[in-house]
C-alpha atoms as a PDB file:
ATOM      1  CA  UNK A   1     -26.899  12.720  -3.276  1.00  0.00           C
ATOM      2  CA  UNK A   2     -23.339  14.580  -2.757  1.00  0.00           C
ATOM      3  CA  UNK A   3     -21.193  15.119  -5.944  1.00  0.00           C
ATOM      4  CA  UNK A   4     -17.602  15.584  -5.387  1.00  0.00           C
ATOM      5  CA  UNK A   5     -14.824  16.811  -8.274  1.00  0.00           C
ATOM      6  CA  UNK A   6     -12.684  13.659  -9.024  1.00  0.00           C
ATOM      7  CA  UNK A   7      -9.774  14.415  -9.126  1.00  0.00           C
ATOM      8  CA  UNK A   8      -8.589  18.000 -10.735  1.00  0.00           C
ATOM      9  CA  UNK A   9     -10.872  16.261 -13.958  1.00  0.00           C
ATOM     10  CA  UNK A  10     -13.928  18.754 -13.768  1.00  0.00           C
ATOM     11  CA  UNK A  11     -16.411  15.524 -13.620  1.00  0.00           C
ATOM     12  CA  UNK A  12     -18.718  16.289 -10.390  1.00  0.00           C
ATOM     13  CA  UNK A  13     -19.653  12.697  -9.870  1.00  0.00           C
ATOM     14  CA  UNK A  14     -21.918  11.263  -7.130  1.00  0.00           C
ATOM     15  CA  UNK A  15     -20.359  10.018  -4.009  1.00  0.00           C
ATOM     16  CA  UNK A  16     -22.403   6.803  -4.295  1.00  0.00           C
ATOM     17  CA  UNK A  17     -21.217   4.575  -7.749  1.00  0.00           C
ATOM     18  CA  UNK A  18     -23.091   2.114  -9.170  1.00  0.00           C
ATOM     19  CA  UNK A  19     -20.605  -1.606  -9.706  1.00  0.00           C
ATOM     20  CA  UNK A  20     -20.976  -3.945 -12.306  1.00  0.00           C
ATOM     21  CA  UNK A  21     -18.656  -6.060 -11.307  1.00  0.00           C
ATOM     22  CA  UNK A  22     -21.369  -8.752 -10.683  1.00  0.00           C
ATOM     23  CA  UNK A  23     -23.832  -7.974 -13.717  1.00  0.00           C
ATOM     24  CA  UNK A  24     -23.461 -10.841 -15.098  1.00  0.00           C
ATOM     25  CA  UNK A  25     -25.514 -12.885 -13.033  1.00  0.00           C
ATOM     26  CA  UNK A  26     -28.453 -11.626 -14.901  1.00  0.00           C
ATOM     27  CA  UNK A  27     -29.795 -10.296 -17.880  1.00  0.00           C
ATOM     28  CA  UNK A  28     -29.514  -6.526 -20.342  1.00  0.00           C
ATOM     29  CA  UNK A  29     -33.172  -6.144 -18.893  1.00  0.00           C
ATOM     30  CA  UNK A  30     -31.872  -6.207 -15.324  1.00  0.00           C
ATOM     31  CA  UNK A  31     -29.196  -3.604 -16.015  1.00  0.00           C
ATOM     32  CA  UNK A  32     -31.278  -1.230 -17.500  1.00  0.00           C
ATOM     33  CA  UNK A  33     -33.400  -1.373 -14.538  1.00  0.00           C
ATOM     34  CA  UNK A  34     -30.448  -0.854 -12.307  1.00  0.00           C
ATOM     35  CA  UNK A  35     -29.183   1.675 -13.871  1.00  0.00           C
ATOM     36  CA  UNK A  36     -32.621   3.811 -14.245  1.00  0.00           C
ATOM     37  CA  UNK A  37     -32.950   2.884 -10.193  1.00  0.00           C
ATOM     38  CA  UNK A  38     -29.517   4.381 -10.055  1.00  0.00           C
ATOM     39  CA  UNK A  39     -30.273   7.738 -12.154  1.00  0.00           C
ATOM     40  CA  UNK A  40     -33.356   7.742  -9.453  1.00  0.00           C
ATOM     41  CA  UNK A  41     -31.364   7.978  -6.704  1.00  0.00           C
ATOM     42  CA  UNK A  42     -28.902  10.414  -7.727  1.00  0.00           C
ATOM     43  CA  UNK A  43     -26.137   8.093  -9.071  1.00  0.00           C
ATOM     44  CA  UNK A  44     -24.706   9.567 -12.487  1.00  0.00           C
ATOM     45  CA  UNK A  45     -21.230   7.136 -12.295  1.00  0.00           C
ATOM     46  CA  UNK A  46     -21.158   3.626 -13.311  1.00  0.00           C
ATOM     47  CA  UNK A  47     -17.678   1.503 -12.714  1.00  0.00           C
ATOM     48  CA  UNK A  48     -16.913  -1.901 -15.506  1.00  0.00           C
ATOM     49  CA  UNK A  49     -14.110  -3.765 -15.825  1.00  0.00           C
ATOM     50  CA  UNK A  50     -12.964  -5.726 -18.938  1.00  0.00           C
ATOM     51  CA  UNK A  51     -13.076  -8.790 -16.831  1.00  0.00           C
ATOM     52  CA  UNK A  52     -16.916  -8.471 -15.233  1.00  0.00           C
ATOM     53  CA  UNK A  53     -17.000 -11.444 -16.029  1.00  0.00           C
ATOM     54  CA  UNK A  54     -15.464 -13.699 -18.535  1.00  0.00           C
ATOM     55  CA  UNK A  55     -18.245 -16.193 -20.310  1.00  0.00           C
ATOM     56  CA  UNK A  56     -20.981 -13.460 -20.308  1.00  0.00           C
ATOM     57  CA  UNK A  57     -19.072  -9.645 -19.799  1.00  0.00           C
ATOM     58  CA  UNK A  58     -20.930  -7.033 -18.421  1.00  0.00           C
ATOM     59  CA  UNK A  59     -19.391  -5.111 -20.836  1.00  0.00           C
ATOM     60  CA  UNK A  60     -21.845  -6.717 -23.786  1.00  0.00           C
ATOM     61  CA  UNK A  61     -24.397  -6.279 -21.237  1.00  0.00           C
ATOM     62  CA  UNK A  62     -24.236  -2.890 -21.142  1.00  0.00           C
ATOM     63  CA  UNK A  63     -23.735  -2.067 -24.608  1.00  0.00           C
ATOM     64  CA  UNK A  64     -27.045  -4.194 -25.255  1.00  0.00           C
ATOM     65  CA  UNK A  65     -28.681  -1.361 -22.784  1.00  0.00           C
ATOM     66  CA  UNK A  66     -26.757   1.138 -24.456  1.00  0.00           C
ATOM     67  CA  UNK A  67     -28.913  -0.221 -27.824  1.00  0.00           C
ATOM     68  CA  UNK A  68     -32.287  -0.026 -26.447  1.00  0.00           C
ATOM     69  CA  UNK A  69     -31.942   2.894 -24.184  1.00  0.00           C
ATOM     70  CA  UNK A  70     -29.801   5.015 -25.742  1.00  0.00           C
ATOM     71  CA  UNK A  71     -31.059   8.006 -23.470  1.00  0.00           C
ATOM     72  CA  UNK A  72     -29.076   6.589 -20.914  1.00  0.00           C
ATOM     73  CA  UNK A  73     -25.705   7.183 -22.245  1.00  0.00           C
ATOM     74  CA  UNK A  74     -25.411  11.012 -21.901  1.00  0.00           C
ATOM     75  CA  UNK A  75     -26.763  10.217 -17.808  1.00  0.00           C
ATOM     76  CA  UNK A  76     -23.648   8.564 -16.795  1.00  0.00           C
ATOM     77  CA  UNK A  77     -20.623   8.940 -16.189  1.00  0.00           C
ATOM     78  CA  UNK A  78     -19.069   5.924 -17.453  1.00  0.00           C
ATOM     79  CA  UNK A  79     -15.711   4.030 -16.235  1.00  0.00           C
ATOM     80  CA  UNK A  80     -13.897   0.609 -16.790  1.00  0.00           C
ATOM     81  CA  UNK A  81     -10.709  -0.898 -16.628  1.00  0.00           C
ATOM     82  CA  UNK A  82      -8.158  -3.044 -18.324  1.00  0.00           C
ATOM     83  CA  UNK A  83      -4.990  -4.668 -17.759  1.00  0.00           C
ATOM     84  CA  UNK A  84      -5.642  -8.203 -16.055  1.00  0.00           C
ATOM     85  CA  UNK A  85      -5.331 -11.393 -17.963  1.00  0.00           C
ATOM     86  CA  UNK A  86      -6.328 -15.230 -17.600  1.00  0.00           C
ATOM     87  CA  UNK A  87      -3.034 -16.293 -15.410  1.00  0.00           C
ATOM     88  CA  UNK A  88      -1.214 -12.553 -15.874  1.00  0.00           C
ATOM     89  CA  UNK A  89      -1.324  -8.711 -16.036  1.00  0.00           C
ATOM     90  CA  UNK A  90      -0.563  -6.434 -18.870  1.00  0.00           C
ATOM     91  CA  UNK A  91       0.247  -2.866 -18.826  1.00  0.00           C
ATOM     92  CA  UNK A  92       1.862  -3.150 -22.501  1.00  0.00           C
ATOM     93  CA  UNK A  93       0.850  -0.179 -25.024  1.00  0.00           C
ATOM     94  CA  UNK A  94      -0.625  -3.009 -27.037  1.00  0.00           C
ATOM     95  CA  UNK A  95      -2.995  -4.559 -24.602  1.00  0.00           C
ATOM     96  CA  UNK A  96      -4.172  -1.282 -23.330  1.00  0.00           C
ATOM     97  CA  UNK A  97      -4.681  -0.229 -26.402  1.00  0.00           C
ATOM     98  CA  UNK A  98      -6.384  -3.121 -27.398  1.00  0.00           C
ATOM     99  CA  UNK A  99      -8.662  -3.706 -24.564  1.00  0.00           C
ATOM    100  CA  UNK A 100     -10.035   0.366 -24.740  1.00  0.00           C
ATOM    101  CA  UNK A 101     -10.898  -0.260 -28.302  1.00  0.00           C
ATOM    102  CA  UNK A 102     -12.817  -3.555 -26.973  1.00  0.00           C
ATOM    103  CA  UNK A 103     -14.328  -1.722 -24.481  1.00  0.00           C
ATOM    104  CA  UNK A 104     -15.868   0.995 -26.916  1.00  0.00           C
ATOM    105  CA  UNK A 105     -17.324  -2.010 -29.004  1.00  0.00           C
ATOM    106  CA  UNK A 106     -18.262  -4.312 -26.116  1.00  0.00           C
ATOM    107  CA  UNK A 107     -20.503  -1.058 -24.669  1.00  0.00           C
ATOM    108  CA  UNK A 108     -21.540   0.682 -27.640  1.00  0.00           C
ATOM    109  CA  UNK A 109     -19.718   3.863 -27.053  1.00  0.00           C
ATOM    110  CA  UNK A 110     -18.059   6.106 -28.995  1.00  0.00           C
ATOM    111  CA  UNK A 111     -15.343   7.259 -25.779  1.00  0.00           C
ATOM    112  CA  UNK A 112     -14.613   6.143 -22.502  1.00  0.00           C
ATOM    113  CA  UNK A 113     -14.913   8.779 -20.197  1.00  0.00           C
ATOM    114  CA  UNK A 114     -12.045   7.307 -17.605  1.00  0.00           C
ATOM    115  CA  UNK A 115      -9.785   4.672 -17.868  1.00  0.00           C
ATOM    116  CA  UNK A 116      -8.314   2.325 -15.151  1.00  0.00           C
ATOM    117  CA  UNK A 117      -5.026   0.438 -14.794  1.00  0.00           C
ATOM    118  CA  UNK A 118      -6.693  -2.357 -13.307  1.00  0.00           C
ATOM    119  CA  UNK A 119      -3.984  -4.080 -10.667  1.00  0.00           C
ATOM    120  CA  UNK A 120      -0.136  -3.102 -10.754  1.00  0.00           C
ATOM    121  CA  UNK A 121       1.555  -5.489 -13.704  1.00  0.00           C
ATOM    122  CA  UNK A 122       5.038  -5.682 -12.184  1.00  0.00           C
ATOM    123  CA  UNK A 123       6.578  -5.606 -15.916  1.00  0.00           C
ATOM    124  CA  UNK A 124       5.202  -2.024 -16.385  1.00  0.00           C
ATOM    125  CA  UNK A 125       7.048   0.485 -18.636  1.00  0.00           C
ATOM    126  CA  UNK A 126       5.762   4.062 -17.868  1.00  0.00           C
ATOM    127  CA  UNK A 127       6.445   4.955 -21.574  1.00  0.00           C
ATOM    128  CA  UNK A 128       4.661   2.765 -23.356  1.00  0.00           C
ATOM    129  CA  UNK A 129       1.353   3.529 -20.547  1.00  0.00           C
ATOM    130  CA  UNK A 130       2.314   7.163 -21.640  1.00  0.00           C
ATOM    131  CA  UNK A 131       2.181   6.426 -25.520  1.00  0.00           C
ATOM    132  CA  UNK A 132      -1.314   4.240 -25.140  1.00  0.00           C
ATOM    133  CA  UNK A 133      -2.768   7.397 -22.976  1.00  0.00           C
ATOM    134  CA  UNK A 134      -1.550   9.740 -25.142  1.00  0.00           C
ATOM    135  CA  UNK A 135      -3.373   7.837 -28.264  1.00  0.00           C
ATOM    136  CA  UNK A 136      -6.410   7.133 -26.700  1.00  0.00           C
ATOM    137  CA  UNK A 137      -6.913  10.402 -25.439  1.00  0.00           C
ATOM    138  CA  UNK A 138      -5.969  12.420 -28.800  1.00  0.00           C
ATOM    139  CA  UNK A 139      -8.019   9.613 -30.935  1.00  0.00           C
ATOM    140  CA  UNK A 140     -10.996  11.168 -28.587  1.00  0.00           C
ATOM    141  CA  UNK A 141     -11.837   7.280 -27.348  1.00  0.00           C
ATOM    142  CA  UNK A 142     -10.593   8.032 -23.721  1.00  0.00           C
ATOM    143  CA  UNK A 143     -11.485  11.206 -21.617  1.00  0.00           C
ATOM    144  CA  UNK A 144      -9.882  10.458 -18.255  1.00  0.00           C
ATOM    145  CA  UNK A 145      -7.344   8.209 -16.679  1.00  0.00           C
ATOM    146  CA  UNK A 146      -6.999   6.575 -13.421  1.00  0.00           C
ATOM    147  CA  UNK A 147      -5.283   3.522 -11.959  1.00  0.00           C
ATOM    148  CA  UNK A 148      -6.397   1.068  -9.265  1.00  0.00           C
ATOM    149  CA  UNK A 149      -4.956  -1.075  -6.585  1.00  0.00           C
ATOM    150  CA  UNK A 150      -1.632   1.348  -6.747  1.00  0.00           C
ATOM    151  CA  UNK A 151       0.115   2.338  -4.234  1.00  0.00           C
ATOM    152  CA  UNK A 152       1.578   6.407  -4.468  1.00  0.00           C
ATOM    153  CA  UNK A 153       5.148   5.164  -5.564  1.00  0.00           C
ATOM    154  CA  UNK A 154       3.714   3.207  -8.406  1.00  0.00           C
ATOM    155  CA  UNK A 155       2.031   6.209  -9.642  1.00  0.00           C
ATOM    156  CA  UNK A 156       4.588   8.514  -9.600  1.00  0.00           C
ATOM    157  CA  UNK A 157       6.712   5.935 -11.477  1.00  0.00           C
ATOM    158  CA  UNK A 158       3.925   6.431 -13.914  1.00  0.00           C
ATOM    159  CA  UNK A 159       3.678  10.333 -13.807  1.00  0.00           C
ATOM    160  CA  UNK A 160       7.606  10.525 -15.031  1.00  0.00           C
ATOM    161  CA  UNK A 161       5.964   9.846 -18.097  1.00  0.00           C
ATOM    162  CA  UNK A 162       2.211   9.696 -18.303  1.00  0.00           C
ATOM    163  CA  UNK A 163       1.387  13.555 -19.059  1.00  0.00           C
ATOM    164  CA  UNK A 164      -2.647  12.939 -18.337  1.00  0.00           C
ATOM    165  CA  UNK A 165      -3.297  13.482 -14.612  1.00  0.00           C
ATOM    166  CA  UNK A 166      -4.151  10.194 -13.070  1.00  0.00           C
ATOM    167  CA  UNK A 167      -7.337  11.381 -11.233  1.00  0.00           C
ATOM    168  CA  UNK A 168      -7.978   8.109  -8.827  1.00  0.00           C
ATOM    169  CA  UNK A 169      -7.014   5.106  -7.491  1.00  0.00           C
ATOM    170  CA  UNK A 170      -9.473   2.773  -7.130  1.00  0.00           C
ATOM    171  CA  UNK A 171      -9.012   0.127  -3.566  1.00  0.00           C
ATOM    172  CA  UNK A 172     -10.483  -2.396  -1.794  1.00  0.00           C
ATOM    173  CA  UNK A 173     -11.735  -0.661   1.684  1.00  0.00           C
ATOM    174  CA  UNK A 174     -14.684  -0.861   4.338  1.00  0.00           C
ATOM    175  CA  UNK A 175     -14.999  -0.801   7.908  1.00  0.00           C
ATOM    176  CA  UNK A 176     -14.115  -4.667   8.005  1.00  0.00           C
ATOM    177  CA  UNK A 177     -11.131  -3.510   5.440  1.00  0.00           C
ATOM    178  CA  UNK A 178      -8.924  -0.188   5.788  1.00  0.00           C
ATOM    179  CA  UNK A 179      -5.320  -0.766   6.732  1.00  0.00           C
ATOM    180  CA  UNK A 180      -4.548   2.928   4.924  1.00  0.00           C
ATOM    181  CA  UNK A 181      -6.593   3.693   7.732  1.00  0.00           C
ATOM    182  CA  UNK A 182      -5.560   1.987  10.109  1.00  0.00           C
ATOM    183  CA  UNK A 183      -1.578   2.743   9.573  1.00  0.00           C
ATOM    184  CA  UNK A 184      -2.993   6.181   9.780  1.00  0.00           C
ATOM    185  CA  UNK A 185      -3.945   6.140  13.303  1.00  0.00           C
ATOM    186  CA  UNK A 186      -0.819   3.653  14.775  1.00  0.00           C
ATOM    187  CA  UNK A 187       1.534   5.867  12.992  1.00  0.00           C
ATOM    188  CA  UNK A 188       4.838   4.583  15.224  1.00  0.00           C
ATOM    189  CA  UNK A 189       3.325   1.864  17.266  1.00  0.00           C
ATOM    190  CA  UNK A 190       4.647  -1.693  17.163  1.00  0.00           C
ATOM    191  CA  UNK A 191       1.288  -3.785  16.497  1.00  0.00           C
ATOM    192  CA  UNK A 192       0.481  -5.288  13.384  1.00  0.00           C
ATOM    193  CA  UNK A 193      -1.830  -2.542  12.687  1.00  0.00           C
ATOM    194  CA  UNK A 194       0.878   0.412  12.232  1.00  0.00           C
ATOM    195  CA  UNK A 195       1.986  -1.855   8.964  1.00  0.00           C
ATOM    196  CA  UNK A 196       2.138   0.387   6.263  1.00  0.00           C
ATOM    197  CA  UNK A 197       0.317  -1.574   3.284  1.00  0.00           C
ATOM    198  CA  UNK A 198       0.071   1.103   0.804  1.00  0.00           C
ATOM    199  CA  UNK A 199       2.216   3.657   1.105  1.00  0.00           C
ATOM    200  CA  UNK A 200      -0.049   6.296   2.504  1.00  0.00           C
ATOM    201  CA  UNK A 201      -2.312   6.333  -0.012  1.00  0.00           C
ATOM    202  CA  UNK A 202      -4.758   8.578   1.677  1.00  0.00           C
ATOM    203  CA  UNK A 203      -2.577  11.199   2.180  1.00  0.00           C
ATOM    204  CA  UNK A 204      -1.106  11.127  -1.287  1.00  0.00           C
ATOM    205  CA  UNK A 205      -4.537  11.276  -2.153  1.00  0.00           C
ATOM    206  CA  UNK A 206      -5.392  14.175  -0.215  1.00  0.00           C
ATOM    207  CA  UNK A 207      -1.771  15.968  -1.064  1.00  0.00           C
ATOM    208  CA  UNK A 208      -2.097  15.765  -4.801  1.00  0.00           C
ATOM    209  CA  UNK A 209      -5.622  16.150  -4.904  1.00  0.00           C
ATOM    210  CA  UNK A 210      -6.587  12.463  -6.550  1.00  0.00           C
ATOM    211  CA  UNK A 211      -9.545  10.758  -5.623  1.00  0.00           C
ATOM    212  CA  UNK A 212     -10.172   7.561  -3.893  1.00  0.00           C
ATOM    213  CA  UNK A 213     -12.844   5.172  -5.065  1.00  0.00           C
ATOM    214  CA  UNK A 214     -13.585   2.149  -2.708  1.00  0.00           C
ATOM    215  CA  UNK A 215     -14.400  -1.275  -3.920  1.00  0.00           C
ATOM    216  CA  UNK A 216     -16.077  -4.337  -1.402  1.00  0.00           C
ATOM    217  CA  UNK A 217     -17.580  -1.589   0.730  1.00  0.00           C
ATOM    218  CA  UNK A 218     -19.777  -3.981   2.700  1.00  0.00           C
ATOM    219  CA  UNK A 219     -17.293  -7.164   2.726  1.00  0.00           C
ATOM    220  CA  UNK A 220     -14.652  -8.547   5.098  1.00  0.00           C
ATOM    221  CA  UNK A 221     -12.123  -9.149   2.478  1.00  0.00           C
ATOM    222  CA  UNK A 222     -11.871  -9.742  -1.638  1.00  0.00           C
ATOM    223  CA  UNK A 223     -13.090 -13.245  -0.457  1.00  0.00           C
ATOM    224  CA  UNK A 224     -14.580 -13.187   3.020  1.00  0.00           C
ATOM    225  CA  UNK A 225     -18.576 -12.100   2.818  1.00  0.00           C
ATOM    226  CA  UNK A 226     -19.965  -9.215   3.843  1.00  0.00           C
ATOM    227  CA  UNK A 227     -19.685  -8.012   7.468  1.00  0.00           C
ATOM    228  CA  UNK A 228     -23.481  -7.085   7.366  1.00  0.00           C
ATOM    229  CA  UNK A 229     -25.597 -10.002   9.957  1.00  0.00           C
ATOM    230  CA  UNK A 230     -22.600 -11.688  10.182  1.00  0.00           C
ATOM    231  CA  UNK A 231     -22.254 -13.111  13.638  1.00  0.00           C
ATOM    232  CA  UNK A 232     -18.347 -12.911  13.356  1.00  0.00           C
ATOM    233  CA  UNK A 233     -18.907  -9.073  14.087  1.00  0.00           C
ATOM    234  CA  UNK A 234     -21.663  -9.020  16.586  1.00  0.00           C
ATOM    235  CA  UNK A 235     -20.552  -5.650  18.143  1.00  0.00           C
ATOM    236  CA  UNK A 236     -20.274  -4.013  14.871  1.00  0.00           C
ATOM    237  CA  UNK A 237     -23.872  -4.968  13.671  1.00  0.00           C
ATOM    238  CA  UNK A 238     -25.416  -4.025  16.777  1.00  0.00           C
ATOM    239  CA  UNK A 239     -23.406  -0.292  16.271  1.00  0.00           C
ATOM    240  CA  UNK A 240     -24.649   0.186  12.648  1.00  0.00           C
ATOM    241  CA  UNK A 241     -28.284  -1.213  13.889  1.00  0.00           C
ATOM    242  CA  UNK A 242     -28.398   1.327  16.689  1.00  0.00           C
ATOM    243  CA  UNK A 243     -27.514   4.219  14.262  1.00  0.00           C
ATOM    244  CA  UNK A 244     -29.252   2.779  11.318  1.00  0.00           C
ATOM    245  CA  UNK A 245     -32.010   3.441  13.301  1.00  0.00           C
ATOM    246  CA  UNK A 246     -31.139   6.790  14.239  1.00  0.00           C
ATOM    247  CA  UNK A 247     -30.513   7.776  10.494  1.00  0.00           C
ATOM    248  CA  UNK A 248     -33.773   6.160   9.646  1.00  0.00           C
ATOM    249  CA  UNK A 249     -31.229   4.122   7.065  1.00  0.00           C
ATOM    250  CA  UNK A 250     -30.365   1.184   6.909  1.00  0.00           C
ATOM    251  CA  UNK A 251     -26.778  -0.588   8.390  1.00  0.00           C
ATOM    252  CA  UNK A 252     -25.313  -1.190   4.342  1.00  0.00           C
ATOM    253  CA  UNK A 253     -26.469   2.697   4.145  1.00  0.00           C
ATOM    254  CA  UNK A 254     -24.320   3.580   7.746  1.00  0.00           C
ATOM    255  CA  UNK A 255     -21.320   1.346   6.633  1.00  0.00           C
ATOM    256  CA  UNK A 256     -21.100   2.992   3.786  1.00  0.00           C
ATOM    257  CA  UNK A 257     -21.617   6.609   5.338  1.00  0.00           C
ATOM    258  CA  UNK A 258     -18.836   5.911   7.218  1.00  0.00           C
ATOM    259  CA  UNK A 259     -16.201   5.584   3.996  1.00  0.00           C
ATOM    260  CA  UNK A 260     -17.892   9.168   2.912  1.00  0.00           C
ATOM    261  CA  UNK A 261     -17.259  10.768   6.201  1.00  0.00           C
ATOM    262  CA  UNK A 262     -13.416  10.533   5.407  1.00  0.00           C
ATOM    263  CA  UNK A 263     -11.939  13.938   4.798  1.00  0.00           C
ATOM    264  CA  UNK A 264      -9.854  12.236   1.288  1.00  0.00           C
ATOM    265  CA  UNK A 265     -13.888  12.642  -0.223  1.00  0.00           C
ATOM    266  CA  UNK A 266     -13.763   8.458  -0.770  1.00  0.00           C
ATOM    267  CA  UNK A 267     -16.641   7.283  -3.486  1.00  0.00           C
ATOM    268  CA  UNK A 268     -18.215   4.273  -2.026  1.00  0.00           C
ATOM    269  CA  UNK A 269     -18.661   1.755  -5.389  1.00  0.00           C
ATOM    270  CA  UNK A 270     -21.961  -0.317  -4.638  1.00  0.00           C
ATOM    271  CA  UNK A 271     -21.926  -3.382  -6.229  1.00  0.00           C
ATOM    272  CA  UNK A 272     -25.168  -4.125  -5.681  1.00  0.00           C
ATOM    273  CA  UNK A 273     -27.621  -6.520  -8.521  1.00  0.00           C
ATOM    274  CA  UNK A 274     -30.739  -5.174  -6.346  1.00  0.00           C
ATOM    275  CA  UNK A 275     -32.395  -1.897  -6.825  1.00  0.00           C
ATOM    276  CA  UNK A 276     -33.598  -1.817  -3.757  1.00  0.00           C
ATOM    277  CA  UNK A 277     -30.394  -2.664  -2.249  1.00  0.00           C
ATOM    278  CA  UNK A 278     -29.109   0.454  -4.321  1.00  0.00           C
ATOM    279  CA  UNK A 279     -31.553   2.510  -3.156  1.00  0.00           C
ATOM    280  CA  UNK A 280     -31.070   1.710   0.664  1.00  0.00           C
ATOM    281  CA  UNK A 281     -27.008   2.525   0.034  1.00  0.00           C
ATOM    282  CA  UNK A 282     -27.764   5.608  -1.873  1.00  0.00           C
ATOM    283  CA  UNK A 283     -29.084   7.067   1.512  1.00  0.00           C
ATOM    284  CA  UNK A 284     -25.252   7.358   2.690  1.00  0.00           C
ATOM    285  CA  UNK A 285     -24.856  10.399   1.288  1.00  0.00           C
ATOM    286  CA  UNK A 286     -28.141  11.846   3.633  1.00  0.00           C
ATOM    287  CA  UNK A 287     -26.161  10.893   6.218  1.00  0.00           C
ATOM    288  CA  UNK A 288     -23.005  12.596   8.028  1.00  0.00           C
ATOM    289  CA  UNK A 289     -21.882  10.314  11.234  1.00  0.00           C
ATOM    290  CA  UNK A 290     -20.448  12.373  13.473  1.00  0.00           C
ATOM    291  CA  UNK A 291     -16.965  12.397  14.763  1.00  0.00           C
ATOM    292  CA  UNK A 292     -17.310   9.954  18.054  1.00  0.00           C
ATOM    293  CA  UNK A 293     -19.893   7.939  16.091  1.00  0.00           C
ATOM    294  CA  UNK A 294     -17.332   7.996  12.771  1.00  0.00           C
ATOM    295  CA  UNK A 295     -14.458   6.337  15.898  1.00  0.00           C
ATOM    296  CA  UNK A 296     -17.277   3.853  17.080  1.00  0.00           C
ATOM    297  CA  UNK A 297     -17.878   1.692  14.463  1.00  0.00           C
ATOM    298  CA  UNK A 298     -13.797   1.364  13.733  1.00  0.00           C
ATOM    299  CA  UNK A 299     -13.947   0.452  17.592  1.00  0.00           C
ATOM    300  CA  UNK A 300     -16.338  -1.591  16.661  1.00  0.00           C
ATOM    301  CA  UNK A 301     -15.152  -3.582  13.637  1.00  0.00           C
ATOM    302  CA  UNK A 302     -12.359  -5.354  16.226  1.00  0.00           C
ATOM    303  CA  UNK A 303     -10.072  -2.505  15.335  1.00  0.00           C
ATOM    304  CA  UNK A 304      -8.391  -0.862  18.151  1.00  0.00           C
ATOM    305  CA  UNK A 305      -6.684   2.759  19.335  1.00  0.00           C
ATOM    306  CA  UNK A 306      -3.262   3.386  20.046  1.00  0.00           C
END
């Protein structure tokens, strides 16, 4: 497994992280097995959120595991997120504080390693966010802070008042969904790929020393399903299969390795609930794609070069 510092936090995290978005599909024993599998593969980072999921929150399942296997707490860097409510977003001081305290109770923790604001709230008041972050940090309830699905302008707006480093931004990114990469390649072109949808986030992150986390790493889009074995992506699957054979890995591992190859030091969030699939994806850290291979995969996904 490869490890990189998240932003300037001093936290050395595995380049592959375990995402718990789908963990409500099983019980606490299955989650424990998944966590133990992650450790065996060198994965030391868990990504959670207060909305994973509404009926049986994964934070509760995680807390049950912490009760039954407390030795696991010190083995992982634990990240969770707040700010998404039913039908609206909320980055108010009151909501951030309440959400963090509820997450601590549900996960049976004394502190959260990293807390992310989950989505941009159009009514965000940076002063309130700063007040919440200060209180959570000074009380020892949260060590570090980040954001999710935000652009550089939104981050800079927060930083007018937030004194803590924004150590990472978690965004959707995969071989099939990579507008942040597309726009950087198609600069000053007239095609759709040239549209800057994220404010040059990858360049911003590298300039500021901020981490980038990728979610839905094997998906076409948020609700589009996986591109693996998808008949709409025959060329991509053919190239993935050939490279998987070359590197003695699976196609999922090669697809994740494509993200890891980027100089922004992207951390890939593996959202699988299957221990064997997690083992397979973890092998991405052992693969270093050549530049021609990286571009071959990019083109095979249906993209073009100017």
